[in-house]
Protein backbone atom coordinates (compact mmCIF):
# COMPACT_ATOMS: atom_id res chain seq x y z
CA UNK A 1 11.32 -41.87 99.11
CA UNK A 2 14.14 -39.43 99.78
CA UNK A 3 15.78 -37.81 96.76
CA UNK A 4 19.57 -38.06 96.75
CA UNK A 5 21.04 -34.70 95.78
CA UNK A 6 24.57 -34.88 94.34
CA UNK A 7 27.20 -32.56 95.83
CA UNK A 8 27.97 -29.22 94.22
CA UNK A 9 30.46 -29.50 91.34
CA UNK A 10 34.07 -29.10 92.51
CA UNK A 11 34.71 -26.27 90.05
CA UNK A 12 32.09 -24.13 91.80
CA UNK A 13 33.73 -24.78 95.17
CA UNK A 14 37.07 -23.81 93.66
CA UNK A 15 35.70 -20.56 92.23
CA UNK A 16 33.99 -19.64 95.50
CA UNK A 17 37.27 -18.76 97.26
CA UNK A 18 37.77 -14.98 97.26
CA UNK A 19 41.49 -14.93 96.39
CA UNK A 20 41.19 -17.60 93.71
CA UNK A 21 38.26 -15.67 92.23
CA UNK A 22 40.35 -12.48 92.25
CA UNK A 23 43.28 -14.24 90.55
CA UNK A 24 40.97 -15.58 87.86
CA UNK A 25 39.51 -12.10 87.37
CA UNK A 26 43.00 -10.72 86.79
CA UNK A 27 43.77 -13.52 84.33
CA UNK A 28 40.65 -12.74 82.30
CA UNK A 29 42.28 -9.38 81.53
CA UNK A 30 45.78 -10.55 80.61
CA UNK A 31 48.44 -13.22 81.19
CA UNK A 32 50.81 -12.34 84.04
CA UNK A 33 53.95 -13.45 85.82
CA UNK A 34 53.54 -14.38 89.48
CA UNK A 35 55.24 -11.21 90.75
CA UNK A 36 52.77 -9.12 88.73
CA UNK A 37 49.83 -11.02 90.23
CA UNK A 38 51.25 -10.54 93.74
CA UNK A 39 51.44 -6.78 93.13
CA UNK A 40 47.88 -6.63 91.79
CA UNK A 41 46.11 -8.66 94.47
CA UNK A 42 48.34 -7.26 97.28
CA UNK A 43 48.80 -10.65 98.95
CA UNK A 44 52.01 -12.48 100.03
CA UNK A 45 53.90 -14.45 97.39
CA UNK A 46 53.52 -17.78 99.21
CA UNK A 47 49.72 -17.34 99.45
CA UNK A 48 49.34 -16.37 95.80
CA UNK A 49 51.57 -19.30 94.76
CA UNK A 50 49.50 -21.72 96.85
CA UNK A 51 46.22 -20.69 95.23
CA UNK A 52 47.75 -20.62 91.75
CA UNK A 53 48.82 -24.21 92.40
CA UNK A 54 45.24 -25.10 93.35
CA UNK A 55 44.01 -23.58 90.08
CA UNK A 56 46.74 -25.37 88.09
CA UNK A 57 45.87 -28.73 89.62
CA UNK A 58 42.25 -28.20 88.59
CA UNK A 59 43.38 -27.36 85.07
CA UNK A 60 41.89 -23.86 85.15
CA UNK A 61 45.28 -22.13 84.97
CA UNK A 62 48.47 -23.18 83.25
CA UNK A 63 51.98 -21.78 83.22
CA UNK A 64 54.27 -21.30 80.25
CA UNK A 65 57.95 -20.39 80.31
CA UNK A 66 58.58 -16.97 78.84
CA UNK A 67 60.23 -17.06 75.42
CA UNK A 68 61.92 -13.75 76.27
CA UNK A 69 63.29 -14.72 79.71
CA UNK A 70 63.43 -18.44 80.52
CA UNK A 71 63.74 -17.66 84.25
CA UNK A 72 60.13 -16.50 84.42
CA UNK A 73 56.74 -18.06 83.71
CA UNK A 74 53.48 -16.59 82.49
CA UNK A 75 50.24 -17.74 84.06
CA UNK A 76 47.25 -18.04 81.73
CA UNK A 77 43.60 -18.81 82.25
CA UNK A 78 42.50 -21.90 80.33
CA UNK A 79 39.29 -20.37 79.03
CA UNK A 80 38.34 -23.45 77.06
CA UNK A 81 38.52 -25.78 80.07
CA UNK A 82 36.87 -23.27 82.42
CA UNK A 83 34.07 -22.80 79.91
CA UNK A 84 33.59 -26.56 79.60
CA UNK A 85 33.59 -27.18 83.37
CA UNK A 86 31.30 -24.22 84.00
CA UNK A 87 28.81 -25.46 81.41
CA UNK A 88 28.95 -28.96 82.89
CA UNK A 89 28.29 -27.52 86.35
CA UNK A 90 25.39 -25.46 84.97
CA UNK A 91 23.95 -28.49 83.20
CA UNK A 92 23.97 -30.45 86.44
CA UNK A 93 21.59 -27.82 87.83
CA UNK A 94 19.41 -27.61 84.72
CA UNK A 95 20.11 -28.92 81.18
CA UNK A 96 19.09 -25.65 79.52
CA UNK A 97 21.96 -23.82 81.28
CA UNK A 98 24.64 -25.85 79.50
CA UNK A 99 24.31 -24.39 76.01
CA UNK A 100 27.54 -23.64 74.16
CA UNK A 101 28.60 -21.45 71.23
CA UNK A 102 30.54 -23.15 68.38
CA UNK A 103 33.96 -21.56 67.64
CA UNK A 104 33.78 -19.01 64.84
CA UNK A 105 30.04 -18.41 65.19
CA UNK A 106 29.07 -14.76 65.29
CA UNK A 107 27.70 -13.02 68.35
CA UNK A 108 26.18 -9.54 68.35
CA UNK A 109 27.91 -6.88 70.43
CA UNK A 110 26.57 -3.34 70.73
CA UNK A 111 28.92 -0.43 71.40
CA UNK A 112 27.48 3.02 71.92
CA UNK A 113 29.69 5.52 70.17
CA UNK A 114 32.59 4.68 67.86
CA UNK A 115 33.66 1.02 67.58
CA UNK A 116 36.56 0.10 69.89
CA UNK A 117 39.96 -0.05 68.15
CA UNK A 118 42.27 -2.97 68.93
CA UNK A 119 45.92 -3.48 68.02
CA UNK A 120 47.39 -7.00 68.08
CA UNK A 121 51.17 -7.37 68.20
CA UNK A 122 53.58 -10.27 67.83
CA UNK A 123 57.06 -10.69 66.37
CA UNK A 124 56.54 -11.53 62.69
CA UNK A 125 52.85 -10.59 62.25
CA UNK A 126 52.45 -13.74 60.18
CA UNK A 127 50.15 -15.94 62.31
CA UNK A 128 48.92 -15.10 65.83
CA UNK A 129 48.25 -11.39 65.42
CA UNK A 130 46.95 -11.76 61.86
CA UNK A 131 44.48 -14.44 62.96
CA UNK A 132 43.37 -12.28 65.89
CA UNK A 133 42.75 -9.30 63.59
CA UNK A 134 40.71 -11.42 61.18
CA UNK A 135 38.68 -12.98 64.00
CA UNK A 136 37.74 -9.57 65.43
CA UNK A 137 36.44 -8.46 62.04
CA UNK A 138 34.52 -11.71 61.63
CA UNK A 139 33.08 -11.95 65.15
CA UNK A 140 32.50 -8.22 65.64
CA UNK A 141 30.56 -7.70 62.40
CA UNK A 142 31.68 -4.08 62.19
CA UNK A 143 31.14 -3.41 65.89
CA UNK A 144 34.90 -3.54 66.58
CA UNK A 145 37.96 -2.55 64.56
CA UNK A 146 41.31 -4.34 64.66
CA UNK A 147 44.74 -4.06 63.10
CA UNK A 148 47.87 -6.13 63.65
CA UNK A 149 51.59 -5.60 63.37
CA UNK A 150 54.96 -7.12 64.23
CA UNK A 151 58.26 -5.95 65.65
CA UNK A 152 60.04 -7.85 62.85
CA UNK A 153 57.44 -8.41 60.11
CA UNK A 154 57.73 -11.50 57.92
CA UNK A 155 57.44 -11.46 54.16
CA UNK A 156 54.02 -13.12 54.10
CA UNK A 157 51.23 -14.51 56.27
CA UNK A 158 51.76 -18.16 57.19
CA UNK A 159 49.76 -20.39 54.79
CA UNK A 160 48.43 -22.55 57.66
CA UNK A 161 47.04 -19.42 59.35
CA UNK A 162 45.16 -18.60 56.15
CA UNK A 163 43.95 -22.19 55.73
CA UNK A 164 42.83 -22.51 59.35
CA UNK A 165 40.50 -19.53 59.31
CA UNK A 166 39.32 -20.29 55.77
CA UNK A 167 37.79 -23.45 57.22
CA UNK A 168 35.71 -21.14 59.45
CA UNK A 169 34.67 -19.05 56.46
CA UNK A 170 37.14 -16.25 57.25
CA UNK A 171 39.30 -15.00 54.40
CA UNK A 172 42.87 -13.78 55.01
CA UNK A 173 44.24 -14.11 51.48
CA UNK A 174 44.76 -10.35 51.17
CA UNK A 175 46.44 -9.92 54.56
CA UNK A 176 50.06 -8.76 54.67
CA UNK A 177 52.51 -8.40 57.59
CA UNK A 178 53.00 -4.84 58.87
CA UNK A 179 55.50 -3.10 61.14
CA UNK A 180 54.37 -1.76 64.50
CA UNK A 181 56.12 1.50 63.56
CA UNK A 182 53.15 2.19 61.27
CA UNK A 183 50.96 2.74 64.33
CA UNK A 184 53.11 5.11 66.34
CA UNK A 185 50.95 7.94 67.68
CA UNK A 186 47.64 6.24 66.94
CA UNK A 187 45.05 5.72 69.66
CA UNK A 188 43.68 2.29 70.57
CA UNK A 189 41.21 1.10 73.18
CA UNK A 190 43.41 -1.91 73.83
CA UNK A 191 46.82 -3.10 72.69
CA UNK A 192 47.21 -6.86 72.94
CA UNK A 193 50.62 -8.52 72.74
CA UNK A 194 50.62 -12.19 71.74
CA UNK A 195 54.35 -12.78 72.03
CA UNK A 196 56.50 -12.66 75.19
CA UNK A 197 59.40 -10.98 73.39
CA UNK A 198 57.23 -8.16 72.09
CA UNK A 199 55.48 -7.75 75.44
CA UNK A 200 58.73 -7.37 77.35
CA UNK A 201 60.23 -4.99 74.78
CA UNK A 202 57.07 -3.24 73.61
CA UNK A 203 57.29 0.57 73.41
CA UNK A 204 55.43 2.15 76.31
CA UNK A 205 53.67 4.61 74.00
CA UNK A 206 51.40 1.87 72.70
CA UNK A 207 49.02 1.72 75.65
CA UNK A 208 48.81 2.65 79.32
CA UNK A 209 47.25 -0.69 80.29
CA UNK A 210 48.30 -3.31 77.72
CA UNK A 211 46.93 -6.84 77.60
CA UNK A 212 49.20 -9.85 77.15
CA UNK A 213 48.20 -13.26 75.81
CA UNK A 214 51.21 -15.55 76.18
CA UNK A 215 50.62 -17.81 73.18
CA UNK A 216 53.28 -20.03 71.57
CA UNK A 217 54.28 -19.26 68.01
CA UNK A 218 52.48 -21.87 65.86
CA UNK A 219 54.92 -21.39 62.99
CA UNK A 220 57.62 -23.12 65.06
CA UNK A 221 55.53 -26.30 65.42
CA UNK A 222 57.19 -29.47 64.13
CA UNK A 223 55.83 -32.76 62.85
CA UNK A 224 53.59 -33.76 59.97
CA UNK A 225 51.35 -31.28 58.21
CA UNK A 226 48.36 -32.69 60.08
CA UNK A 227 50.14 -32.19 63.42
CA UNK A 228 51.10 -28.63 62.53
CA UNK A 229 47.56 -27.96 61.37
CA UNK A 230 46.31 -29.12 64.76
CA UNK A 231 48.52 -26.51 66.46
CA UNK A 232 46.98 -23.76 64.32
CA UNK A 233 43.48 -25.13 65.00
CA UNK A 234 44.08 -24.97 68.77
CA UNK A 235 45.43 -21.43 68.45
CA UNK A 236 42.30 -20.37 66.54
CA UNK A 237 40.06 -21.79 69.27
CA UNK A 238 42.06 -20.01 71.98
CA UNK A 239 41.95 -16.71 70.11
CA UNK A 240 38.23 -17.11 69.46
CA UNK A 241 37.46 -17.52 73.17
CA UNK A 242 39.80 -14.75 74.30
CA UNK A 243 38.45 -12.29 71.75
CA UNK A 244 34.84 -13.06 72.73
CA UNK A 245 35.71 -12.37 76.35
CA UNK A 246 37.57 -9.17 75.47
CA UNK A 247 34.72 -7.78 73.35
CA UNK A 248 32.22 -8.60 76.10
CA UNK A 249 34.38 -6.82 78.68
CA UNK A 250 34.79 -3.80 76.41
CA UNK A 251 31.03 -3.69 75.82
CA UNK A 252 30.42 -3.75 79.57
CA UNK A 253 33.08 -1.10 80.16
CA UNK A 254 31.58 1.19 77.50
CA UNK A 255 28.08 0.72 78.96
CA UNK A 256 29.28 1.55 82.49
CA UNK A 257 31.15 4.62 81.25
CA UNK A 258 28.09 6.00 79.46
CA UNK A 259 25.87 5.18 82.44
CA UNK A 260 28.27 7.07 84.71
CA UNK A 261 28.27 10.08 82.39
CA UNK A 262 24.47 10.18 82.39
CA UNK A 263 24.38 9.91 86.16
CA UNK A 264 26.95 12.69 86.50
CA UNK A 265 25.01 14.98 84.20
């Protein structure tokens, strides 16, 4: 009796294209506008737009209108959906390959040398950047350091931001908004902007290769308290996945740097 083998999952076929793979690699580093992606991959605009459309239709990439300039859009990698589809594809090959990590659960990273320093920036430093700072401390277990600040700091951290992470066992009750001016002249391994306005007006002294995560401000969400809580919950999940990816990339970068130094010596 002949065994019927199902076709390869469509997500794997989508990822197998060289240009789409390159675009996704760029979007693991930061969110970008289409012109920035064109410059990085050095391919014509119409070709990049075509493959971005393929990724959007598959739900792996989404676009969001810039809050700083409504004429432009930021493209973002949907890490949550990609992770889900990738695990499903892995499971179809063997069930043991489809294991997942619950949001908020700790993972051990190992950085040779001093812990990497991260700076998270948004406008009011009351929700997105504060949650990112707290998540790094929680997930990194001392292996990574993080601070956050805002271009126009609010008076207090948003209560729903505090409540959201408290449900994950992460305390933010002592957190206070800070001005980005406090960090002028300090050195960071990465500076991550979480707000389009800050990204497009961010002082160049902050970092030579900044990262941008184009995330909507949850404090502007409308509706019932349960609906607004859901917005903060989704933000926490997005930040959790992005921070895990960033720490893994930094760990790999540190390892390669040290390996290169040993080879050179």
